[in-house]
PDB file of N, CA and C in Angstrom:
ATOM      1  N   MET A   1     -12.840   2.397 -12.040  1.00  0.00           N
ATOM      2  CA  MET A   1     -13.270   3.362 -11.038  1.00  0.00           C
ATOM      3  C   MET A   1     -12.256   4.512 -11.040  1.00  0.00           C
ATOM      4  N   ARG A   2     -13.204   5.539 -10.264  1.00  0.00           N
ATOM      5  CA  ARG A   2     -12.162   7.198  -9.829  1.00  0.00           C
ATOM      6  C   ARG A   2     -11.138   6.767  -9.017  1.00  0.00           C
ATOM      7  N   VAL A   3     -10.404   7.485  -8.944  1.00  0.00           N
ATOM      8  CA  VAL A   3      -8.994   7.273  -7.932  1.00  0.00           C
ATOM      9  C   VAL A   3      -9.352   7.888  -6.952  1.00  0.00           C
ATOM     10  N   ASP A   4     -10.402   8.947  -6.424  1.00  0.00           N
ATOM     11  CA  ASP A   4     -10.496   9.055  -5.102  1.00  0.00           C
ATOM     12  C   ASP A   4     -11.583   7.890  -4.377  1.00  0.00           C
ATOM     13  N   LYS A   5     -12.681   7.299  -4.944  1.00  0.00           N
ATOM     14  CA  LYS A   5     -13.191   6.388  -4.838  1.00  0.00           C
ATOM     15  C   LYS A   5     -12.411   5.298  -4.477  1.00  0.00           C
ATOM     16  N   TYR A   6     -11.311   4.826  -5.216  1.00  0.00           N
ATOM     17  CA  TYR A   6     -10.443   3.484  -4.878  1.00  0.00           C
ATOM     18  C   TYR A   6      -9.484   3.855  -3.651  1.00  0.00           C
ATOM     19  N   LEU A   7      -9.010   5.266  -3.450  1.00  0.00           N
ATOM     20  CA  LEU A   7      -8.292   5.374  -2.283  1.00  0.00           C
ATOM     21  C   LEU A   7      -9.191   5.596  -0.990  1.00  0.00           C
ATOM     22  N   TRP A   8     -10.675   5.482  -1.497  1.00  0.00           N
ATOM     23  CA  TRP A   8     -11.774   5.447  -0.156  1.00  0.00           C
ATOM     24  C   TRP A   8     -11.367   4.078   0.424  1.00  0.00           C
ATOM     25  N   CYS A   9     -12.046   3.424  -0.672  1.00  0.00           N
ATOM     26  CA  CYS A   9     -12.170   2.118  -0.919  1.00  0.00           C
ATOM     27  C   CYS A   9     -11.202   1.462   0.177  1.00  0.00           C
ATOM     28  N   VAL A  10      -9.905   1.714  -0.377  1.00  0.00           N
ATOM     29  CA  VAL A  10      -8.758   0.642   0.260  1.00  0.00           C
ATOM     30  C   VAL A  10      -8.368   1.566   1.734  1.00  0.00           C
ATOM     31  N   ARG A  11      -9.161   2.082   1.752  1.00  0.00           N
ATOM     32  CA  ARG A  11      -8.988   2.457   3.249  1.00  0.00           C
ATOM     33  C   ARG A  11      -8.112   3.865   3.519  1.00  0.00           C
ATOM     34  N   TYR A  12      -7.187   4.035   2.696  1.00  0.00           N
ATOM     35  CA  TYR A  12      -6.319   5.551   2.790  1.00  0.00           C
ATOM     36  C   TYR A  12      -6.962   6.935   2.958  1.00  0.00           C
ATOM     37  N   TYR A  13      -8.165   7.009   2.969  1.00  0.00           N
ATOM     38  CA  TYR A  13      -8.876   8.344   3.471  1.00  0.00           C
ATOM     39  C   TYR A  13     -10.237   8.045   4.051  1.00  0.00           C
ATOM     40  N   LYS A  14     -10.628   8.607   5.166  1.00  0.00           N
ATOM     41  CA  LYS A  14     -11.971   8.333   5.972  1.00  0.00           C
ATOM     42  C   LYS A  14     -13.121   8.304   4.614  1.00  0.00           C
ATOM     43  N   THR A  15     -13.236   9.551   4.523  1.00  0.00           N
ATOM     44  CA  THR A  15     -14.260  10.071   3.737  1.00  0.00           C
ATOM     45  C   THR A  15     -13.692  10.148   1.898  1.00  0.00           C
ATOM     46  N   ARG A  16     -14.579  10.002   1.056  1.00  0.00           N
ATOM     47  CA  ARG A  16     -14.232  10.319  -0.182  1.00  0.00           C
ATOM     48  C   ARG A  16     -14.247  11.539  -0.363  1.00  0.00           C
ATOM     49  N   SER A  17     -14.852  12.737   0.339  1.00  0.00           N
ATOM     50  CA  SER A  17     -14.528  13.812   0.247  1.00  0.00           C
ATOM     51  C   SER A  17     -13.228  14.352   0.379  1.00  0.00           C
ATOM     52  N   MET A  18     -12.623  13.613   1.421  1.00  0.00           N
ATOM     53  CA  MET A  18     -11.205  14.004   1.989  1.00  0.00           C
ATOM     54  C   MET A  18     -10.338  13.732   0.713  1.00  0.00           C
ATOM     55  N   ALA A  19     -10.923  12.543  -0.086  1.00  0.00           N
ATOM     56  CA  ALA A  19     -10.055  11.919  -1.194  1.00  0.00           C
ATOM     57  C   ALA A  19      -9.847  12.754  -2.127  1.00  0.00           C
ATOM     58  N   THR A  20     -11.041  13.953  -2.432  1.00  0.00           N
ATOM     59  CA  THR A  20     -11.284  14.384  -3.532  1.00  0.00           C
ATOM     60  C   THR A  20     -10.296  15.545  -3.441  1.00  0.00           C
ATOM     61  N   GLU A  21     -10.413  16.275  -2.403  1.00  0.00           N
ATOM     62  CA  GLU A  21      -9.686  17.235  -1.855  1.00  0.00           C
ATOM     63  C   GLU A  21      -8.278  17.006  -1.842  1.00  0.00           C
ATOM     64  N   ALA A  22      -7.804  16.193  -1.510  1.00  0.00           N
ATOM     65  CA  ALA A  22      -6.404  15.622  -1.847  1.00  0.00           C
ATOM     66  C   ALA A  22      -5.687  15.949  -3.094  1.00  0.00           C
ATOM     67  N   CYS A  23      -6.774  15.396  -3.915  1.00  0.00           N
ATOM     68  CA  CYS A  23      -6.971  15.280  -5.450  1.00  0.00           C
ATOM     69  C   CYS A  23      -6.564  16.653  -5.765  1.00  0.00           C
ATOM     70  N   LYS A  24      -7.389  17.705  -5.696  1.00  0.00           N
ATOM     71  CA  LYS A  24      -7.184  18.947  -5.530  1.00  0.00           C
ATOM     72  C   LYS A  24      -6.229  19.707  -5.637  1.00  0.00           C
ATOM     73  N   LYS A  25      -5.589  19.212  -4.502  1.00  0.00           N
ATOM     74  CA  LYS A  25      -4.526  20.009  -4.097  1.00  0.00           C
ATOM     75  C   LYS A  25      -3.283  19.139  -4.689  1.00  0.00           C
ATOM     76  N   ASN A  26      -3.235  18.629  -5.368  1.00  0.00           N
ATOM     77  CA  ASN A  26      -2.537  18.049  -5.924  1.00  0.00           C
ATOM     78  C   ASN A  26      -1.222  16.924  -5.345  1.00  0.00           C
ATOM     79  N   HIS A  27      -2.075  16.843  -4.617  1.00  0.00           N
ATOM     80  CA  HIS A  27      -1.235  15.390  -3.437  1.00  0.00           C
ATOM     81  C   HIS A  27      -1.194  13.848  -3.927  1.00  0.00           C
ATOM     82  N   ILE A  28      -2.025  13.957  -5.003  1.00  0.00           N
ATOM     83  CA  ILE A  28      -2.166  12.437  -5.535  1.00  0.00           C
ATOM     84  C   ILE A  28      -1.738  12.377  -7.126  1.00  0.00           C
ATOM     85  N   THR A  29      -0.731  11.464  -7.157  1.00  0.00           N
ATOM     86  CA  THR A  29      -0.236  11.531  -8.868  1.00  0.00           C
ATOM     87  C   THR A  29      -0.375   9.446  -9.271  1.00  0.00           C
ATOM     88  N   VAL A  30      -1.020   9.901 -10.400  1.00  0.00           N
ATOM     89  CA  VAL A  30      -0.955   8.724 -10.909  1.00  0.00           C
ATOM     90  C   VAL A  30      -0.396   8.234 -12.164  1.00  0.00           C
ATOM     91  N   ASN A  31       1.037   7.499 -11.855  1.00  0.00           N
ATOM     92  CA  ASN A  31       1.925   7.109 -13.067  1.00  0.00           C
ATOM     93  C   ASN A  31       2.498   8.194 -12.919  1.00  0.00           C
ATOM     94  N   GLY A  32       3.004   8.781 -12.358  1.00  0.00           N
ATOM     95  CA  GLY A  32       3.888  10.128 -12.495  1.00  0.00           C
ATOM     96  C   GLY A  32       3.345  11.498 -12.878  1.00  0.00           C
ATOM     97  N   ASN A  33       1.720  11.454 -13.111  1.00  0.00           N
ATOM     98  CA  ASN A  33       1.002  12.700 -13.247  1.00  0.00           C
ATOM     99  C   ASN A  33       0.250  12.815 -12.340  1.00  0.00           C
ATOM    100  N   ASN A  34      -0.134  14.222 -12.493  1.00  0.00           N
ATOM    101  CA  ASN A  34      -1.080  14.766 -11.195  1.00  0.00           C
ATOM    102  C   ASN A  34      -2.577  14.313 -11.703  1.00  0.00           C
ATOM    103  N   ALA A  35      -2.950  13.954 -10.644  1.00  0.00           N
ATOM    104  CA  ALA A  35      -4.770  13.095 -10.872  1.00  0.00           C
ATOM    105  C   ALA A  35      -5.887  13.815 -10.749  1.00  0.00           C
ATOM    106  N   LYS A  36      -6.780  14.076 -11.069  1.00  0.00           N
ATOM    107  CA  LYS A  36      -7.893  15.165 -10.904  1.00  0.00           C
ATOM    108  C   LYS A  36      -9.061  13.544  -9.995  1.00  0.00           C
ATOM    109  N   ALA A  37      -9.840  13.807  -9.524  1.00  0.00           N
ATOM    110  CA  ALA A  37     -10.553  12.595  -8.403  1.00  0.00           C
ATOM    111  C   ALA A  37     -11.189  11.815  -9.949  1.00  0.00           C
ATOM    112  N   SER A  38     -11.889  12.526 -10.658  1.00  0.00           N
ATOM    113  CA  SER A  38     -12.373  11.888 -11.876  1.00  0.00           C
ATOM    114  C   SER A  38     -11.486  10.855 -12.470  1.00  0.00           C
ATOM    115  N   ARG A  39     -10.203  11.036 -12.293  1.00  0.00           N
ATOM    116  CA  ARG A  39      -9.715  10.210 -13.305  1.00  0.00           C
ATOM    117  C   ARG A  39      -9.668   8.666 -13.140  1.00  0.00           C
ATOM    118  N   ASP A  40      -9.692   7.581 -14.244  1.00  0.00           N
ATOM    119  CA  ASP A  40      -9.757   6.257 -13.888  1.00  0.00           C
ATOM    120  C   ASP A  40      -8.739   5.617 -13.670  1.00  0.00           C
ATOM    121  N   ILE A  41      -8.713   4.636 -12.915  1.00  0.00           N
ATOM    122  CA  ILE A  41      -7.829   3.850 -12.696  1.00  0.00           C
ATOM    123  C   ILE A  41      -7.592   2.241 -12.728  1.00  0.00           C
ATOM    124  N   PHE A  42      -6.494   1.494 -13.128  1.00  0.00           N
ATOM    125  CA  PHE A  42      -6.525   0.148 -13.598  1.00  0.00           C
ATOM    126  C   PHE A  42      -5.629  -0.373 -12.880  1.00  0.00           C
ATOM    127  N   PRO A  43      -5.800  -1.768 -13.236  1.00  0.00           N
ATOM    128  CA  PRO A  43      -4.909  -2.598 -12.333  1.00  0.00           C
ATOM    129  C   PRO A  43      -3.620  -2.350 -12.998  1.00  0.00           C
ATOM    130  N   SER A  44      -2.066  -2.440 -12.265  1.00  0.00           N
ATOM    131  CA  SER A  44      -0.974  -2.129 -12.554  1.00  0.00           C
ATOM    132  C   SER A  44      -0.678  -0.555 -12.640  1.00  0.00           C
ATOM    133  N   ASP A  45      -1.873  -0.077 -12.049  1.00  0.00           N
ATOM    134  CA  ASP A  45      -1.007   1.540 -12.186  1.00  0.00           C
ATOM    135  C   ASP A  45      -0.564   1.987 -11.067  1.00  0.00           C
ATOM    136  N   VAL A  46       0.278   2.970 -10.509  1.00  0.00           N
ATOM    137  CA  VAL A  46       1.313   3.366  -9.623  1.00  0.00           C
ATOM    138  C   VAL A  46       0.513   4.818  -9.187  1.00  0.00           C
ATOM    139  N   ILE A  47      -0.062   4.540  -7.808  1.00  0.00           N
ATOM    140  CA  ILE A  47      -0.333   5.750  -7.248  1.00  0.00           C
ATOM    141  C   ILE A  47       0.554   6.067  -6.297  1.00  0.00           C
ATOM    142  N   THR A  48       0.799   7.488  -6.390  1.00  0.00           N
ATOM    143  CA  THR A  48       1.820   7.977  -5.544  1.00  0.00           C
ATOM    144  C   THR A  48       0.846   9.286  -4.211  1.00  0.00           C
ATOM    145  N   PHE A  49       0.933   9.241  -3.103  1.00  0.00           N
ATOM    146  CA  PHE A  49      -0.043  10.326  -2.718  1.00  0.00           C
ATOM    147  C   PHE A  49       0.776  10.514  -1.228  1.00  0.00           C
ATOM    148  N   ARG A  50       0.743  12.105  -0.871  1.00  0.00           N
ATOM    149  CA  ARG A  50       1.254  12.559   0.268  1.00  0.00           C
ATOM    150  C   ARG A  50       0.412  12.719   1.323  1.00  0.00           C
ATOM    151  N   LYS A  51       0.307  12.166   2.690  1.00  0.00           N
ATOM    152  CA  LYS A  51      -0.533  12.291   3.924  1.00  0.00           C
ATOM    153  C   LYS A  51       0.335  11.791   5.056  1.00  0.00           C
ATOM    154  N   ASP A  52      -0.184  12.643   5.857  1.00  0.00           N
ATOM    155  CA  ASP A  52       0.243  12.450   7.410  1.00  0.00           C
ATOM    156  C   ASP A  52       2.021  12.576   7.042  1.00  0.00           C
ATOM    157  N   GLN A  53       2.333  13.272   6.457  1.00  0.00           N
ATOM    158  CA  GLN A  53       3.565  14.020   6.087  1.00  0.00           C
ATOM    159  C   GLN A  53       4.768  12.825   5.600  1.00  0.00           C
ATOM    160  N   ILE A  54       3.949  11.769   4.774  1.00  0.00           N
ATOM    161  CA  ILE A  54       4.769  10.968   4.163  1.00  0.00           C
ATOM    162  C   ILE A  54       4.031  10.866   2.749  1.00  0.00           C
ATOM    163  N   THR A  55       4.953  10.675   1.880  1.00  0.00           N
ATOM    164  CA  THR A  55       5.051   9.934   0.759  1.00  0.00           C
ATOM    165  C   THR A  55       4.656   8.517   0.386  1.00  0.00           C
ATOM    166  N   GLN A  56       3.430   8.173  -0.017  1.00  0.00           N
ATOM    167  CA  GLN A  56       3.190   6.555   0.212  1.00  0.00           C
ATOM    168  C   GLN A  56       3.113   6.375  -1.340  1.00  0.00           C
ATOM    169  N   THR A  57       3.529   5.383  -1.735  1.00  0.00           N
ATOM    170  CA  THR A  57       3.439   4.756  -3.234  1.00  0.00           C
ATOM    171  C   THR A  57       2.808   3.078  -3.138  1.00  0.00           C
ATOM    172  N   ILE A  58       1.329   3.107  -3.901  1.00  0.00           N
ATOM    173  CA  ILE A  58       1.146   1.773  -3.894  1.00  0.00           C
ATOM    174  C   ILE A  58       0.938   1.518  -5.474  1.00  0.00           C
ATOM    175  N   THR A  59       0.786   0.485  -5.322  1.00  0.00           N
ATOM    176  CA  THR A  59       0.627   0.017  -7.250  1.00  0.00           C
ATOM    177  C   THR A  59      -0.764  -0.939  -6.801  1.00  0.00           C
ATOM    178  N   VAL A  60      -1.749  -0.798  -7.857  1.00  0.00           N
ATOM    179  CA  VAL A  60      -3.310  -1.326  -7.881  1.00  0.00           C
ATOM    180  C   VAL A  60      -3.128  -2.759  -8.324  1.00  0.00           C
ATOM    181  N   LEU A  61      -3.864  -3.495  -7.770  1.00  0.00           N
ATOM    182  CA  LEU A  61      -3.541  -4.940  -8.142  1.00  0.00           C
ATOM    183  C   LEU A  61      -5.203  -5.593  -8.540  1.00  0.00           C
ATOM    184  N   ASP A  62      -5.958  -4.696  -7.849  1.00  0.00           N
ATOM    185  CA  ASP A  62      -7.336  -5.339  -8.632  1.00  0.00           C
ATOM    186  C   ASP A  62      -8.648  -3.802  -8.207  1.00  0.00           C
ATOM    187  N   ILE A  63      -9.461  -3.889  -8.822  1.00  0.00           N
ATOM    188  CA  ILE A  63     -10.318  -2.785  -8.464  1.00  0.00           C
ATOM    189  C   ILE A  63     -11.440  -3.534  -7.549  1.00  0.00           C
ATOM    190  N   PRO A  64     -11.689  -2.805  -6.399  1.00  0.00           N
ATOM    191  CA  PRO A  64     -12.965  -3.317  -5.356  1.00  0.00           C
ATOM    192  C   PRO A  64     -14.202  -2.774  -5.692  1.00  0.00           C
ATOM    193  N   LEU A  65     -15.273  -3.682  -5.562  1.00  0.00           N
ATOM    194  CA  LEU A  65     -16.727  -3.377  -6.076  1.00  0.00           C
ATOM    195  C   LEU A  65     -16.941  -2.286  -4.945  1.00  0.00           C
ATOM    196  N   ASN A  66     -16.869  -2.358  -3.674  1.00  0.00           N
ATOM    197  CA  ASN A  66     -17.226  -1.387  -2.588  1.00  0.00           C
ATOM    198  C   ASN A  66     -15.937  -0.870  -1.379  1.00  0.00           C
ATOM    199  N   ARG A  67     -16.744  -0.586  -0.666  1.00  0.00           N
ATOM    200  CA  ARG A  67     -15.242  -0.385   0.533  1.00  0.00           C
ATOM    201  C   ARG A  67     -14.987  -1.779   1.088  1.00  0.00           C
ATOM    202  N   VAL A  68     -13.476  -1.750   1.178  1.00  0.00           N
ATOM    203  CA  VAL A  68     -13.469  -3.345   1.631  1.00  0.00           C
ATOM    204  C   VAL A  68     -13.234  -3.428   3.032  1.00  0.00           C
ATOM    205  N   ALA A  69     -13.141  -4.415   3.632  1.00  0.00           N
ATOM    206  CA  ALA A  69     -12.827  -4.811   5.057  1.00  0.00           C
ATOM    207  C   ALA A  69     -10.922  -4.656   5.031  1.00  0.00           C
ATOM    208  N   ALA A  70     -10.883  -3.971   6.382  1.00  0.00           N
ATOM    209  CA  ALA A  70      -9.031  -3.310   6.629  1.00  0.00           C
ATOM    210  C   ALA A  70      -8.276  -5.097   6.423  1.00  0.00           C
ATOM    211  N   LYS A  71      -8.776  -6.110   6.579  1.00  0.00           N
ATOM    212  CA  LYS A  71      -8.071  -7.225   6.813  1.00  0.00           C
ATOM    213  C   LYS A  71      -7.865  -7.779   4.669  1.00  0.00           C
ATOM    214  N   LEU A  72      -8.863  -7.399   4.403  1.00  0.00           N
ATOM    215  CA  LEU A  72      -8.631  -7.656   2.699  1.00  0.00           C
ATOM    216  C   LEU A  72      -8.444  -6.619   1.555  1.00  0.00           C
ATOM    217  N   VAL A  73      -7.455  -5.238   2.299  1.00  0.00           N
ATOM    218  CA  VAL A  73      -7.402  -4.482   1.599  1.00  0.00           C
ATOM    219  C   VAL A  73      -6.039  -4.827   0.617  1.00  0.00           C
ATOM    220  N   ASP A  74      -5.371  -5.921   1.406  1.00  0.00           N
ATOM    221  CA  ASP A  74      -3.898  -6.275   0.512  1.00  0.00           C
ATOM    222  C   ASP A  74      -4.340  -7.225  -0.973  1.00  0.00           C
ATOM    223  N   MET A  75      -5.560  -7.306  -0.910  1.00  0.00           N
ATOM    224  CA  MET A  75      -5.919  -8.210  -2.030  1.00  0.00           C
ATOM    225  C   MET A  75      -6.038  -7.003  -3.333  1.00  0.00           C
ATOM    226  N   TYR A  76      -6.222  -5.763  -2.603  1.00  0.00           N
ATOM    227  CA  TYR A  76      -6.228  -4.831  -3.770  1.00  0.00           C
ATOM    228  C   TYR A  76      -5.297  -3.842  -4.115  1.00  0.00           C
ATOM    229  N   ARG A  77      -4.124  -3.808  -3.506  1.00  0.00           N
ATOM    230  CA  ARG A  77      -3.025  -3.070  -3.486  1.00  0.00           C
ATOM    231  C   ARG A  77      -1.849  -3.522  -2.973  1.00  0.00           C
ATOM    232  N   LYS A  78      -0.758  -3.148  -3.559  1.00  0.00           N
ATOM    233  CA  LYS A  78       0.478  -3.323  -3.205  1.00  0.00           C
ATOM    234  C   LYS A  78       1.076  -2.186  -2.671  1.00  0.00           C
ATOM    235  N   ASN A  79       1.544  -2.114  -1.272  1.00  0.00           N
ATOM    236  CA  ASN A  79       2.215  -1.143  -0.690  1.00  0.00           C
ATOM    237  C   ASN A  79       3.857  -1.263  -0.844  1.00  0.00           C
ATOM    238  N   ASP A  80       4.284   0.106  -2.062  1.00  0.00           N
ATOM    239  CA  ASP A  80       5.706  -0.158  -2.408  1.00  0.00           C
ATOM    240  C   ASP A  80       6.420   1.021  -1.570  1.00  0.00           C
ATOM    241  N   THR A  81       5.889   1.833  -0.370  1.00  0.00           N
ATOM    242  CA  THR A  81       6.508   2.314   0.441  1.00  0.00           C
ATOM    243  C   THR A  81       7.806   2.185   1.085  1.00  0.00           C
ATOM    244  N   PRO A  82       8.680   2.767   1.017  1.00  0.00           N
ATOM    245  CA  PRO A  82       9.958   2.204   1.547  1.00  0.00           C
ATOM    246  C   PRO A  82       9.799   2.056   3.145  1.00  0.00           C
ATOM    247  N   PRO A  83      10.516   1.351   3.870  1.00  0.00           N
ATOM    248  CA  PRO A  83      10.468   1.265   5.238  1.00  0.00           C
ATOM    249  C   PRO A  83      10.973   2.288   6.207  1.00  0.00           C
ATOM    250  N   GLU A  84      11.690   2.937   5.212  1.00  0.00           N
ATOM    251  CA  GLU A  84      12.641   4.176   6.081  1.00  0.00           C
ATOM    252  C   GLU A  84      11.649   5.374   6.179  1.00  0.00           C
ATOM    253  N   VAL A  85      10.227   5.512   5.097  1.00  0.00           N
ATOM    254  CA  VAL A  85       9.766   6.740   5.636  1.00  0.00           C
ATOM    255  C   VAL A  85       8.729   6.059   6.612  1.00  0.00           C
ATOM    256  N   TYR A  86       8.218   4.895   7.010  1.00  0.00           N
ATOM    257  CA  TYR A  86       7.765   5.094   8.153  1.00  0.00           C
ATOM    258  C   TYR A  86       8.211   5.268   9.553  1.00  0.00           C
ATOM    259  N   ALA A  87       9.912   4.733   9.417  1.00  0.00           N
ATOM    260  CA  ALA A  87      10.966   4.892  10.137  1.00  0.00           C
ATOM    261  C   ALA A  87      10.863   6.795  10.342  1.00  0.00           C
ATOM    262  N   HIS A  88      10.990   7.435   9.685  1.00  0.00           N
ATOM    263  CA  HIS A  88      10.858   8.921   9.728  1.00  0.00           C
ATOM    264  C   HIS A  88       9.698   9.459  10.528  1.00  0.00           C
ATOM    265  N   LEU A  89       8.311   8.837  10.378  1.00  0.00           N
ATOM    266  CA  LEU A  89       7.602   9.231  10.823  1.00  0.00           C
ATOM    267  C   LEU A  89       7.013   9.111  12.059  1.00  0.00           C
ATOM    268  N   GLU A  90       7.686   8.093  12.732  1.00  0.00           N
ATOM    269  CA  GLU A  90       8.087   7.353  14.020  1.00  0.00           C
ATOM    270  C   GLU A  90       8.957   8.465  14.842  1.00  0.00           C
ATOM    271  N   LEU A  91       9.612   8.956  14.216  1.00  0.00           N
ATOM    272  CA  LEU A  91      10.739  10.006  14.721  1.00  0.00           C
ATOM    273  C   LEU A  91      10.028  11.622  14.959  1.00  0.00           C
ATOM    274  N   LEU A  92       9.137  11.710  14.065  1.00  0.00           N
ATOM    275  CA  LEU A  92       8.517  13.195  13.870  1.00  0.00           C
ATOM    276  C   LEU A  92       7.228  12.971  14.859  1.00  0.00           C
ATOM    277  N   LYS A  93       6.881  11.693  15.393  1.00  0.00           N
ATOM    278  CA  LYS A  93       6.144  11.679  16.559  1.00  0.00           C
ATOM    279  C   LYS A  93       6.450  11.723  18.112  1.00  0.00           C
ATOM    280  N   LEU A  94       7.878  10.997  17.939  1.00  0.00           N
ATOM    281  CA  LEU A  94       8.568  11.196  18.980  1.00  0.00           C
ATOM    282  C   LEU A  94       9.130  12.760  19.371  1.00  0.00           C
ATOM    283  N   ALA A  95       9.549  13.101  18.138  1.00  0.00           N
ATOM    284  CA  ALA A  95       9.766  14.541  18.605  1.00  0.00           C
ATOM    285  C   ALA A  95       8.784  15.500  19.028  1.00  0.00           C
ATOM    286  N   LYS A  96       7.496  15.832  18.546  1.00  0.00           N
ATOM    287  CA  LYS A  96       6.317  16.146  18.958  1.00  0.00           C
ATOM    288  C   LYS A  96       5.854  15.562  20.707  1.00  0.00           C
ATOM    289  N   GLU A  97       5.957  14.438  21.072  1.00  0.00           N
ATOM    290  CA  GLU A  97       5.794  14.361  22.368  1.00  0.00           C
ATOM    291  C   GLU A  97       6.556  14.806  23.269  1.00  0.00           C
ATOM    292  N   HIS A  98       8.105  15.203  22.769  1.00  0.00           N
ATOM    293  CA  HIS A  98       9.281  15.415  23.698  1.00  0.00           C
ATOM    294  C   HIS A  98       8.722  17.246  24.214  1.00  0.00           C
ATOM    295  N   TYR A  99       8.310  17.676  23.214  1.00  0.00           N
ATOM    296  CA  TYR A  99       7.919  18.769  23.494  1.00  0.00           C
ATOM    297  C   TYR A  99       7.007  19.328  24.378  1.00  0.00           C
ATOM    298  N   ARG A 100       5.861  18.980  24.171  1.00  0.00           N
ATOM    299  CA  ARG A 100       4.884  18.718  25.068  1.00  0.00           C
ATOM    300  C   ARG A 100       3.944  17.988  24.917  1.00  0.00           C
ATOM    301  N   LYS A 101       3.080  17.269  25.898  1.00  0.00           N
ATOM    302  CA  LYS A 101       2.175  16.438  26.040  1.00  0.00           C
ATOM    303  C   LYS A 101       0.856  16.811  25.446  1.00  0.00           C
ATOM    304  N   THR A 102       0.252  15.799  24.500  1.00  0.00           N
ATOM    305  CA  THR A 102      -0.774  16.046  24.027  1.00  0.00           C
ATOM    306  C   THR A 102      -1.860  16.540  25.118  1.00  0.00           C
ATOM    307  N   GLY A 103      -2.869  17.560  24.890  1.00  0.00           N
ATOM    308  CA  GLY A 103      -4.001  17.857  25.856  1.00  0.00           C
ATOM    309  C   GLY A 103      -3.348  18.969  26.904  1.00  0.00           C
ATOM    310  N   ASP A 104      -2.009  19.063  26.711  1.00  0.00           N
ATOM    311  CA  ASP A 104      -1.588  20.582  27.992  1.00  0.00           C
ATOM    312  C   ASP A 104      -2.152  21.529  27.889  1.00  0.00           C
ATOM    313  N   GLY A 105      -2.493  21.988  26.371  1.00  0.00           N
ATOM    314  CA  GLY A 105      -2.845  23.086  26.038  1.00  0.00           C
ATOM    315  C   GLY A 105      -1.630  24.076  26.037  1.00  0.00           C
ATOM    316  N   ARG A 106      -1.868  25.355  26.504  1.00  0.00           N
ATOM    317  CA  ARG A 106      -0.838  26.481  26.128  1.00  0.00           C
ATOM    318  C   ARG A 106      -0.395  26.221  27.392  1.00  0.00           C
ATOM    319  N   PRO A 107       1.164  26.960  27.510  1.00  0.00           N
ATOM    320  CA  PRO A 107       2.011  27.075  28.581  1.00  0.00           C
ATOM    321  C   PRO A 107       1.324  28.297  29.587  1.00  0.00           C
ATOM    322  N   THR A 108       1.731  27.738  30.959  1.00  0.00           N
ATOM    323  CA  THR A 108       1.037  28.498  31.777  1.00  0.00           C
ATOM    324  C   THR A 108       2.156  29.813  32.252  1.00  0.00           C
ATOM    325  N   LYS A 109       1.788  30.571  33.043  1.00  0.00           N
ATOM    326  CA  LYS A 109       2.996  31.911  33.502  1.00  0.00           C
ATOM    327  C   LYS A 109       3.852  30.946  34.059  1.00  0.00           C
ATOM    328  N   LYS A 110       3.793  29.614  34.731  1.00  0.00           N
ATOM    329  CA  LYS A 110       5.067  29.443  35.490  1.00  0.00           C
ATOM    330  C   LYS A 110       5.811  28.699  34.554  1.00  0.00           C
ATOM    331  N   ASP A 111       4.874  27.936  33.673  1.00  0.00           N
ATOM    332  CA  ASP A 111       6.085  27.164  32.515  1.00  0.00           C
ATOM    333  C   ASP A 111       6.503  28.428  31.790  1.00  0.00           C
ATOM    334  N   ARG A 112       6.383  29.482  31.346  1.00  0.00           N
ATOM    335  CA  ARG A 112       7.259  30.555  30.748  1.00  0.00           C
ATOM    336  C   ARG A 112       8.530  31.144  31.764  1.00  0.00           C
ATOM    337  N   ARG A 113       7.846  31.061  32.613  1.00  0.00           N
ATOM    338  CA  ARG A 113       8.715  31.693  34.016  1.00  0.00           C
ATOM    339  C   ARG A 113       9.950  30.791  33.769  1.00  0.00           C
ATOM    340  N   ASP A 114       9.780  29.382  33.741  1.00  0.00           N
ATOM    341  CA  ASP A 114      10.716  28.159  33.868  1.00  0.00           C
ATOM    342  C   ASP A 114      11.086  28.029  32.915  1.00  0.00           C
ATOM    343  N   ILE A 115      10.654  28.718  31.733  1.00  0.00           N
ATOM    344  CA  ILE A 115      11.644  28.662  30.521  1.00  0.00           C
ATOM    345  C   ILE A 115      12.533  29.758  30.222  1.00  0.00           C
ATOM    346  N   GLU A 116      11.890  30.760  30.827  1.00  0.00           N
ATOM    347  CA  GLU A 116      12.975  32.114  30.765  1.00  0.00           C
ATOM    348  C   GLU A 116      14.121  32.040  31.562  1.00  0.00           C
ATOM    349  N   ASP A 117      13.770  31.117  32.882  1.00  0.00           N
ATOM    350  CA  ASP A 117      15.306  31.201  33.450  1.00  0.00           C
ATOM    351  C   ASP A 117      15.956  30.053  33.487  1.00  0.00           C
ATOM    352  N   PHE A 118      15.589  29.112  32.175  1.00  0.00           N
ATOM    353  CA  PHE A 118      16.362  28.289  32.059  1.00  0.00           C
ATOM    354  C   PHE A 118      17.608  28.823  30.729  1.00  0.00           C
ATOM    355  N   GLY A 119      17.016  29.522  30.143  1.00  0.00           N
ATOM    356  CA  GLY A 119      17.735  30.394  29.037  1.00  0.00           C
ATOM    357  C   GLY A 119      18.589  31.162  29.783  1.00  0.00           C
ATOM    358  N   ASN A 120      18.066  31.759  30.992  1.00  0.00           N
ATOM    359  CA  ASN A 120      18.770  33.344  31.504  1.00  0.00           C
ATOM    360  C   ASN A 120      19.781  32.713  32.160  1.00  0.00           C
ATOM    361  N   ASN A 121      20.241  31.294  32.955  1.00  0.00           N
ATOM    362  CA  ASN A 121      21.042  30.478  33.547  1.00  0.00           C
ATOM    363  C   ASN A 121      21.860  30.165  32.968  1.00  0.00           C
ATOM    364  N   THR A 122      22.893  31.177  32.132  1.00  0.00           N
ATOM    365  CA  THR A 122      23.951  30.898  31.093  1.00  0.00           C
ATOM    366  C   THR A 122      25.271  31.305  31.649  1.00  0.00           C
ATOM    367  N   GLU A 123      25.665  30.653  32.680  1.00  0.00           N
ATOM    368  CA  GLU A 123      27.000  30.836  33.428  1.00  0.00           C
ATOM    369  C   GLU A 123      28.192  30.645  32.694  1.00  0.00           C
ATOM    370  N   ILE A 124      28.983  31.487  32.899  1.00  0.00           N
ATOM    371  CA  ILE A 124      30.229  32.109  31.944  1.00  0.00           C
ATOM    372  C   ILE A 124      31.631  31.260  32.839  1.00  0.00           C
TER     373      ILE A 124
END
């Protein structure tokens, strides 16, 4: 099975074209080598790919015939990504939320003035 189709089947990418694009950008490696989208994979291959600012590593256990349900994904892959990587991702999410809430848009004039006043209130 092609590597882009496999990553789509085990639900790492929403569409197969997104997986193909990741291969073109050299975000996916198989057994340590950069992989083209058409590269065949086999059980026991190790796939490393970068997605959502983290590098994930999975081992192929079996080849699915079609896209599988989310509950059945663990039958076809073994996730070898260390837990520290996921903790780092949570920290990144918290850092983004601290700066500005999602959906607030650009800062208003009042926000800009408040920021400038905060920076100018340095008393010695």
